[in-house]
Amino acid sequence: MSQNQNPQSLNRVTFSQIVNNEFDITETYWHPDMGGLVPELIHATETIDPWIPGLRQIMEQNLKQPGQNVSAPALLRRDEWANIESQWFWDNYVNGNIGSVDGTIIFPHTKFVLTQVFAVGVGVYNSAGNTDTRLTATRTVANFVQPPQGIPTPQEINTAIEQTKFLTQEKSWPNTWREYRERVAAIETNEQIIYLDGPIITQNLVTQVQGRQIMRDLHDTGKFCVGVIKDISQSQQTLRWFSRALQQNEVFLIDTVGNLLRTRLEDWGSNHDLVSFLNDVADQYVRGIYKPGKKVFGFECPVHDIPRAMAMLFQDCNGVAGHEIPYILDKVDCDIRGKFRPDEAEQYLYGKLAEQYPGQTLDEMNERLMR
């Protein structure tokens, strides 16, 4: 894997392929094969099949039995591992000691000339059937842009524009803020065993000083956390390749989270705090894939206690085909998303703003909202 390639160079290669491989489907889009897209996709999906025997060989060479020392890469089988800590799991489950944490954007990322605003809701559901929901809003504001004294000069205008350029940055601030608040909730809740929706260690938070600190704080609580990655389509290619070779009721540990992050972060070795975090925290977790039913999911868990993580992944498995995630994680997801309507909140805010500044509000709004 070419981890050290210049990202800009890689992007040029990718876009060059896009330009060179175009084909016209104006007249054939409504045909059964969608202008050739269907067979193209089928062919691309089949192309990985010849690789599967080699992937299976790697996995089976790393098959681990209970009692053996387990480190990634490792192949584990449900019937051998999932029941080792089943009693521990169900004792804590019936006593309400297991919590699940999930968050959602309750107010979409909205950008104005001098501010950005967004809000998230985070829910904690425990195995006794109790839900606690907290809502937090935040914003990035150009507080340092002071009103001019009289008519501003061109130089003052240019300076103000330069100072507010950061407000046009997209990045993933709403998702990063959601991940931050989810970890605050995991720290503050009483439960000592936690399911997180998504990875425990996220790249968004790793790149931020406060993000690394909140993940370090969660790690230092000693709480036993398992992160369930419901959609691996955006995960690293290593996970996606091995997922095609994974069989039902198997688990494959890919690598420590620290090692996976080192391959993705540029110049990580020059940041002392980041190096310390990768060594002290991220290396204590492993990322893997598991297939409890028809679909492969990703997960992260502490490297030192695989049997308990296996119990958490398989004992409370939702029985819906293709949606076999832990039930209480599914429950908090349904609760938190069912309570909020981000689009309605956005329209309400614009409505209140339009009462005071109708012309400027139209300039700030996405024109799709007016359709």
Protein backbone atom coordinates (compact mmCIF):
# COMPACT_ATOMS: atom_id res chain seq x y z
CA MET A 1 0.00 0.00 0.00
CA SER A 2 1.39 3.37 -1.02
CA GLN A 3 0.76 5.21 2.23
CA ASN A 4 3.39 7.91 1.58
CA GLN A 5 2.06 9.18 -1.73
CA ASN A 6 1.38 12.87 -2.03
CA PRO A 7 -2.41 13.27 -1.59
CA GLN A 8 -2.55 15.94 -4.29
CA SER A 9 -0.72 13.65 -6.74
CA LEU A 10 -3.09 10.81 -5.87
CA ASN A 11 -6.09 13.08 -6.48
CA ARG A 12 -4.75 14.01 -9.93
CA VAL A 13 -4.41 10.34 -10.87
CA THR A 14 -7.92 9.61 -9.66
CA PHE A 15 -9.52 12.52 -11.49
CA SER A 16 -7.56 11.70 -14.64
CA GLN A 17 -9.15 8.23 -14.58
CA ILE A 18 -12.57 9.82 -14.13
CA VAL A 19 -12.10 12.05 -17.17
CA ASN A 20 -10.66 9.29 -19.37
CA ASN A 21 -13.32 6.69 -18.46
CA GLU A 22 -16.43 8.77 -19.12
CA PHE A 23 -19.18 7.41 -21.38
CA ASP A 24 -22.46 8.92 -22.50
CA ILE A 25 -25.70 7.43 -21.09
CA THR A 26 -28.09 10.16 -22.22
CA GLU A 27 -30.13 7.79 -24.37
CA THR A 28 -29.71 4.64 -22.32
CA TYR A 29 -30.04 5.77 -18.69
CA TRP A 30 -33.61 4.42 -18.46
CA HIS A 31 -32.70 1.03 -19.94
CA PRO A 32 -32.63 -2.00 -17.59
CA ASP A 33 -28.82 -1.89 -17.41
CA MET A 34 -28.78 1.91 -16.88
CA GLY A 35 -26.58 2.58 -19.88
CA GLY A 36 -24.07 -0.10 -18.93
CA LEU A 37 -23.68 0.96 -15.30
CA VAL A 38 -25.24 -2.23 -13.94
CA PRO A 39 -22.91 -4.70 -15.72
CA GLU A 40 -19.96 -2.39 -14.99
CA LEU A 41 -20.73 -2.51 -11.27
CA ILE A 42 -21.28 -6.28 -11.34
CA HIS A 43 -17.93 -6.76 -13.08
CA ALA A 44 -16.14 -4.51 -10.57
CA THR A 45 -17.71 -6.46 -7.70
CA GLU A 46 -16.69 -9.81 -9.19
CA THR A 47 -13.12 -8.66 -9.79
CA ILE A 48 -12.19 -9.18 -6.14
CA ASP A 49 -13.32 -12.84 -6.15
CA PRO A 50 -9.94 -14.24 -7.36
CA TRP A 51 -8.29 -12.52 -4.40
CA ILE A 52 -10.48 -14.18 -1.78
CA PRO A 53 -8.53 -17.49 -1.55
CA GLY A 54 -5.36 -15.55 -0.75
CA LEU A 55 -7.17 -13.43 1.84
CA ARG A 56 -8.65 -16.59 3.42
CA GLN A 57 -5.19 -18.14 3.57
CA ILE A 58 -3.85 -15.15 5.52
CA MET A 59 -6.82 -15.28 7.88
CA GLU A 60 -6.68 -19.02 8.52
CA GLN A 61 -2.92 -18.91 9.11
CA ASN A 62 -3.72 -16.57 12.01
CA LEU A 63 -6.55 -18.64 13.52
CA LYS A 64 -6.46 -18.36 17.31
CA GLN A 65 -7.97 -20.67 19.91
CA PRO A 66 -9.12 -19.66 23.41
CA GLY A 67 -6.18 -19.68 25.77
CA GLN A 68 -3.72 -18.53 23.14
CA ASN A 69 -2.16 -15.09 23.17
CA VAL A 70 -4.19 -12.95 20.76
CA SER A 71 -2.78 -10.04 18.79
CA ALA A 72 -3.67 -8.74 15.36
CA PRO A 73 -3.88 -10.17 12.81
CA ALA A 74 -6.06 -12.92 14.25
CA LEU A 75 -9.05 -14.96 13.11
CA LEU A 76 -11.56 -15.92 15.81
CA ARG A 77 -14.66 -18.08 15.57
CA ARG A 78 -17.90 -17.28 17.38
CA ASP A 79 -18.59 -20.78 18.68
CA GLU A 80 -15.19 -20.84 20.40
CA TRP A 81 -15.05 -17.31 21.79
CA ALA A 82 -18.48 -15.68 22.17
CA ASN A 83 -19.62 -17.71 25.20
CA ILE A 84 -16.48 -17.40 27.32
CA GLU A 85 -17.71 -14.21 28.99
CA SER A 86 -21.45 -14.63 28.34
CA GLN A 87 -22.23 -14.86 32.07
CA TRP A 88 -20.31 -11.63 32.73
CA PHE A 89 -22.24 -9.95 29.93
CA TRP A 90 -25.72 -11.01 31.00
CA ASP A 91 -25.10 -10.32 34.70
CA ASN A 92 -24.22 -6.74 33.81
CA TYR A 93 -26.98 -6.51 31.21
CA VAL A 94 -29.87 -7.41 33.53
CA ASN A 95 -28.50 -5.10 36.22
CA GLY A 96 -28.45 -2.11 33.85
CA ASN A 97 -24.67 -1.77 33.92
CA ILE A 98 -24.27 -1.59 30.14
CA GLY A 99 -24.85 1.67 28.30
CA SER A 100 -24.95 2.64 24.64
CA VAL A 101 -24.05 6.12 23.39
CA ASP A 102 -25.02 7.69 20.08
CA GLY A 103 -25.34 11.22 18.78
CA THR A 104 -26.92 12.96 15.83
CA ILE A 105 -26.83 16.39 14.24
CA ILE A 106 -29.99 18.18 15.43
CA PHE A 107 -29.20 21.45 13.69
CA PRO A 108 -27.34 21.26 10.36
CA HIS A 109 -24.06 23.00 9.70
CA THR A 110 -25.16 26.51 8.76
CA LYS A 111 -22.66 29.14 7.66
CA PHE A 112 -23.14 32.89 7.83
CA VAL A 113 -20.72 35.69 6.99
CA LEU A 114 -19.43 36.03 10.57
CA THR A 115 -20.38 32.73 12.19
CA GLN A 116 -21.04 29.05 11.78
CA VAL A 117 -23.57 27.24 13.94
CA PHE A 118 -24.49 23.61 14.47
CA ALA A 119 -25.98 21.54 17.27
CA VAL A 120 -25.94 17.91 18.29
CA GLY A 121 -28.04 15.65 20.45
CA VAL A 122 -26.46 12.74 22.32
CA GLY A 123 -28.40 9.92 23.91
CA VAL A 124 -27.38 7.31 26.46
CA TYR A 125 -29.52 4.18 26.71
CA ASN A 126 -28.78 1.53 29.29
CA SER A 127 -29.65 -2.13 29.43
CA ALA A 128 -32.29 -1.45 32.11
CA GLY A 129 -34.27 0.47 29.50
CA ASN A 130 -33.52 4.05 30.55
CA THR A 131 -32.65 6.83 28.10
CA ASP A 132 -30.98 10.15 28.90
CA THR A 133 -30.68 12.74 26.13
CA ARG A 134 -28.54 15.89 26.18
CA LEU A 135 -28.56 18.65 23.56
CA THR A 136 -25.62 20.98 22.96
CA ALA A 137 -25.14 23.76 20.45
CA THR A 138 -21.88 25.38 19.45
CA ARG A 139 -20.59 27.88 16.94
CA THR A 140 -17.41 29.32 15.49
CA VAL A 141 -17.67 33.08 15.60
CA ALA A 142 -15.41 35.83 14.30
CA ASN A 143 -15.52 37.70 17.58
CA PHE A 144 -12.29 39.53 16.74
CA VAL A 145 -13.89 41.35 13.79
CA GLN A 146 -14.88 44.65 15.38
CA PRO A 147 -17.32 47.10 13.76
CA PRO A 148 -15.42 49.86 11.92
CA GLN A 149 -15.32 53.42 13.09
CA GLY A 150 -17.14 55.21 10.30
CA ILE A 151 -16.88 54.03 6.69
CA PRO A 152 -14.27 51.25 6.52
CA THR A 153 -11.28 51.68 4.27
CA PRO A 154 -10.42 49.10 1.59
CA GLN A 155 -7.51 47.95 3.77
CA GLU A 156 -9.81 47.42 6.78
CA ILE A 157 -12.26 45.46 4.59
CA ASN A 158 -9.49 43.23 3.22
CA THR A 159 -8.20 42.60 6.75
CA ALA A 160 -11.67 41.64 7.99
CA ILE A 161 -12.18 39.29 5.04
CA GLU A 162 -8.82 37.62 5.68
CA GLN A 163 -9.69 37.17 9.35
CA THR A 164 -12.95 35.38 8.53
CA LYS A 165 -11.65 33.01 5.84
CA PHE A 166 -11.61 30.15 8.32
CA LEU A 167 -15.41 30.36 8.53
CA THR A 168 -15.72 29.07 4.96
CA GLN A 169 -13.79 25.91 5.77
CA GLU A 170 -15.94 22.81 5.45
CA LYS A 171 -13.91 20.18 7.27
CA SER A 172 -16.06 17.95 9.44
CA TRP A 173 -16.65 20.20 12.40
CA PRO A 174 -20.23 19.04 13.09
CA ASN A 175 -19.20 15.37 13.08
CA THR A 176 -16.11 16.14 15.15
CA TRP A 177 -18.24 18.00 17.67
CA ARG A 178 -20.74 15.12 17.77
CA GLU A 179 -17.94 12.63 18.41
CA TYR A 180 -16.56 14.88 21.16
CA ARG A 181 -19.94 15.15 22.90
CA GLU A 182 -20.50 11.39 22.63
CA ARG A 183 -17.29 10.79 24.56
CA VAL A 184 -18.25 13.37 27.17
CA ALA A 185 -21.51 11.46 27.63
CA ALA A 186 -19.66 8.14 27.89
CA ILE A 187 -17.44 9.59 30.61
CA GLU A 188 -20.28 11.17 32.58
CA THR A 189 -22.77 8.29 32.50
CA ASN A 190 -22.74 5.83 35.41
CA GLU A 191 -22.44 2.70 33.30
CA GLN A 192 -18.97 1.14 33.24
CA ILE A 193 -19.51 -0.92 30.08
CA ILE A 194 -20.20 1.17 26.98
CA TYR A 195 -21.16 0.64 23.36
CA LEU A 196 -20.17 3.55 21.11
CA ASP A 197 -21.67 4.09 17.68
CA GLY A 198 -18.62 4.11 15.43
CA PRO A 199 -14.92 3.82 16.27
CA ILE A 200 -13.68 4.52 19.78
CA ILE A 201 -10.70 6.44 18.39
CA THR A 202 -11.78 8.68 15.51
CA GLN A 203 -9.45 10.40 13.09
CA ASN A 204 -11.46 13.62 13.38
CA LEU A 205 -10.71 13.82 17.11
CA VAL A 206 -7.13 12.55 16.82
CA THR A 207 -6.20 15.61 14.75
CA GLN A 208 -7.45 18.02 17.46
CA VAL A 209 -5.72 18.68 20.80
CA GLN A 210 -9.02 18.70 22.71
CA GLY A 211 -10.12 15.61 20.78
CA ARG A 212 -7.07 13.64 21.86
CA GLN A 213 -7.61 14.78 25.43
CA ILE A 214 -11.26 13.70 25.62
CA MET A 215 -10.36 10.26 24.23
CA ARG A 216 -7.49 10.02 26.71
CA ASP A 217 -9.91 10.98 29.50
CA LEU A 218 -12.35 8.25 28.42
CA HIS A 219 -9.53 5.71 28.28
CA ASP A 220 -8.33 6.73 31.75
CA THR A 221 -11.76 6.09 33.30
CA GLY A 222 -11.10 2.38 32.87
CA LYS A 223 -14.56 1.88 31.36
CA PHE A 224 -14.82 -1.09 29.01
CA CYS A 225 -15.79 0.34 25.62
CA VAL A 226 -16.62 -1.34 22.34
CA GLY A 227 -17.19 0.74 19.21
CA VAL A 228 -19.42 -0.72 16.49
CA ILE A 229 -18.82 0.53 12.93
CA LYS A 230 -22.12 -0.08 11.17
CA ASP A 231 -20.94 1.02 7.72
CA ILE A 232 -17.45 -0.02 6.64
CA SER A 233 -17.80 1.37 3.11
CA GLN A 234 -15.83 4.45 4.23
CA SER A 235 -13.26 2.45 6.20
CA GLN A 236 -9.67 1.75 5.19
CA GLN A 237 -9.27 -0.56 2.24
CA THR A 238 -7.65 -3.26 4.37
CA LEU A 239 -10.91 -3.74 6.27
CA ARG A 240 -12.96 -3.74 3.11
CA TRP A 241 -10.80 -6.34 1.35
CA PHE A 242 -10.76 -8.76 4.26
CA SER A 243 -14.50 -8.25 4.79
CA ARG A 244 -15.12 -9.95 1.44
CA ALA A 245 -13.34 -13.07 2.69
CA LEU A 246 -14.90 -13.16 6.16
CA GLN A 247 -17.40 -15.95 6.76
CA GLN A 248 -20.49 -15.88 8.97
CA ASN A 249 -19.80 -16.04 12.72
CA GLU A 250 -16.15 -15.10 12.30
CA VAL A 251 -14.09 -12.20 13.64
CA PHE A 252 -10.86 -10.94 12.12
CA LEU A 253 -8.60 -8.54 14.01
CA ILE A 254 -6.85 -6.28 11.50
CA ASP A 255 -4.36 -4.19 13.50
CA THR A 256 -4.05 -1.87 16.45
CA VAL A 257 -5.80 1.46 16.03
CA GLY A 258 -2.48 3.19 16.58
CA ASN A 259 -0.84 1.44 13.63
CA LEU A 260 -3.81 2.13 11.36
CA LEU A 261 -3.73 5.81 12.25
CA ARG A 262 0.01 6.08 11.64
CA THR A 263 -0.54 5.01 8.03
CA ARG A 264 -3.13 7.76 7.50
CA LEU A 265 -1.78 10.77 9.39
CA GLU A 266 0.83 12.93 7.71
CA ASP A 267 3.89 14.02 9.72
CA TRP A 268 2.52 12.39 12.87
CA GLY A 269 6.03 11.80 14.19
CA SER A 270 6.72 15.54 14.50
CA ASN A 271 3.91 16.12 17.01
CA HIS A 272 4.96 15.03 20.49
CA ASP A 273 1.44 15.05 21.92
CA LEU A 274 0.13 13.01 18.98
CA VAL A 275 2.98 10.49 19.29
CA SER A 276 2.22 10.13 22.99
CA PHE A 277 -1.48 9.61 22.30
CA LEU A 278 -0.85 6.94 19.66
CA ASN A 279 1.54 5.07 21.94
CA ASP A 280 -0.36 5.41 25.22
CA VAL A 281 -3.98 5.22 24.05
CA ALA A 282 -4.54 4.23 20.41
CA ASP A 283 -2.17 1.25 20.62
CA GLN A 284 -4.31 -0.14 23.45
CA TYR A 285 -7.23 -0.74 21.04
CA VAL A 286 -7.62 -3.06 18.09
CA ARG A 287 -9.80 -2.67 15.03
CA GLY A 288 -11.43 -5.62 13.38
CA ILE A 289 -14.41 -6.91 11.43
CA TYR A 290 -17.07 -9.40 12.39
CA LYS A 291 -19.96 -11.11 10.66
CA PRO A 292 -22.76 -12.05 13.06
CA GLY A 293 -25.23 -12.77 10.26
CA LYS A 294 -25.53 -11.64 6.65
CA LYS A 295 -23.50 -8.43 6.88
CA VAL A 296 -19.95 -7.55 7.93
CA PHE A 297 -19.48 -4.81 10.54
CA GLY A 298 -16.38 -3.17 11.94
CA PHE A 299 -15.51 -2.73 15.60
CA GLU A 300 -12.89 -1.44 18.01
CA CYS A 301 -12.19 -2.78 21.46
CA PRO A 302 -9.39 -2.99 24.06
CA VAL A 303 -6.63 -5.38 22.99
CA HIS A 304 -6.36 -6.88 26.47
CA ASP A 305 -9.81 -8.45 26.74
CA ILE A 306 -11.04 -9.95 23.49
CA PRO A 307 -13.46 -12.48 25.09
CA ARG A 308 -15.55 -9.72 26.74
CA ALA A 309 -15.63 -7.76 23.50
CA MET A 310 -16.78 -10.88 21.67
CA ALA A 311 -19.59 -11.34 24.19
CA MET A 312 -20.71 -7.74 23.65
CA LEU A 313 -20.70 -8.13 19.86
CA PHE A 314 -22.58 -11.42 19.69
CA GLN A 315 -24.71 -11.91 22.83
CA ASP A 316 -27.03 -8.91 22.23
CA CYS A 317 -27.16 -9.26 18.46
CA ASN A 318 -30.17 -7.78 16.66
CA GLY A 319 -31.84 -10.51 14.62
CA VAL A 320 -32.74 -8.40 11.57
CA ALA A 321 -30.82 -9.64 8.52
CA GLY A 322 -28.22 -7.09 7.46
CA HIS A 323 -28.76 -5.11 10.68
CA GLU A 324 -27.28 -7.49 13.25
CA ILE A 325 -25.82 -4.79 15.50
CA PRO A 326 -26.21 -4.93 19.30
CA TYR A 327 -29.83 -4.28 20.25
CA ILE A 328 -29.25 -1.53 22.79
CA LEU A 329 -27.05 0.35 20.32
CA ASP A 330 -29.85 0.14 17.78
CA LYS A 331 -32.30 1.33 20.44
CA VAL A 332 -30.41 4.51 21.29
CA ASP A 333 -29.94 5.24 17.59
CA CYS A 334 -33.70 4.97 16.97
CA ASP A 335 -34.52 7.07 20.04
CA ILE A 336 -32.14 9.91 19.30
CA ARG A 337 -32.96 10.18 15.59
CA GLY A 338 -36.69 9.88 16.16
CA LYS A 339 -36.80 12.92 18.45
CA PHE A 340 -35.28 15.54 16.17
CA ARG A 341 -35.96 17.06 12.76
CA PRO A 342 -32.87 19.04 11.70
CA ASP A 343 -34.53 20.46 8.57
CA GLU A 344 -37.44 21.85 10.57
CA ALA A 345 -35.04 23.48 13.05
CA GLU A 346 -33.11 25.07 10.19
CA GLN A 347 -36.26 26.48 8.61
CA TYR A 348 -37.41 27.87 11.98
CA LEU A 349 -34.09 29.67 12.52
CA TYR A 350 -34.18 31.21 9.05
CA GLY A 351 -37.78 32.26 9.64
CA LYS A 352 -36.87 34.11 12.83
CA LEU A 353 -33.86 35.71 11.16
CA ALA A 354 -35.99 36.80 8.19
CA GLU A 355 -38.30 38.72 10.54
CA GLN A 356 -35.40 41.09 11.24
CA TYR A 357 -33.26 40.90 8.09
CA PRO A 358 -35.30 39.51 5.18
CA GLY A 359 -32.89 40.50 2.40
CA GLN A 360 -29.74 39.27 4.12
CA THR A 361 -31.46 36.05 5.16
CA LEU A 362 -32.21 35.17 1.55
CA ASP A 363 -28.54 35.72 0.73
CA GLU A 364 -27.48 33.32 3.49
CA MET A 365 -30.04 30.61 2.75
CA ASN A 366 -29.57 27.63 0.50
CA GLU A 367 -31.88 28.27 -2.44
CA ARG A 368 -33.17 24.69 -2.20
CA LEU A 369 -35.07 25.73 0.91
CA MET A 370 -37.16 28.06 -1.26
CA ARG A 371 -38.38 25.39 -3.66
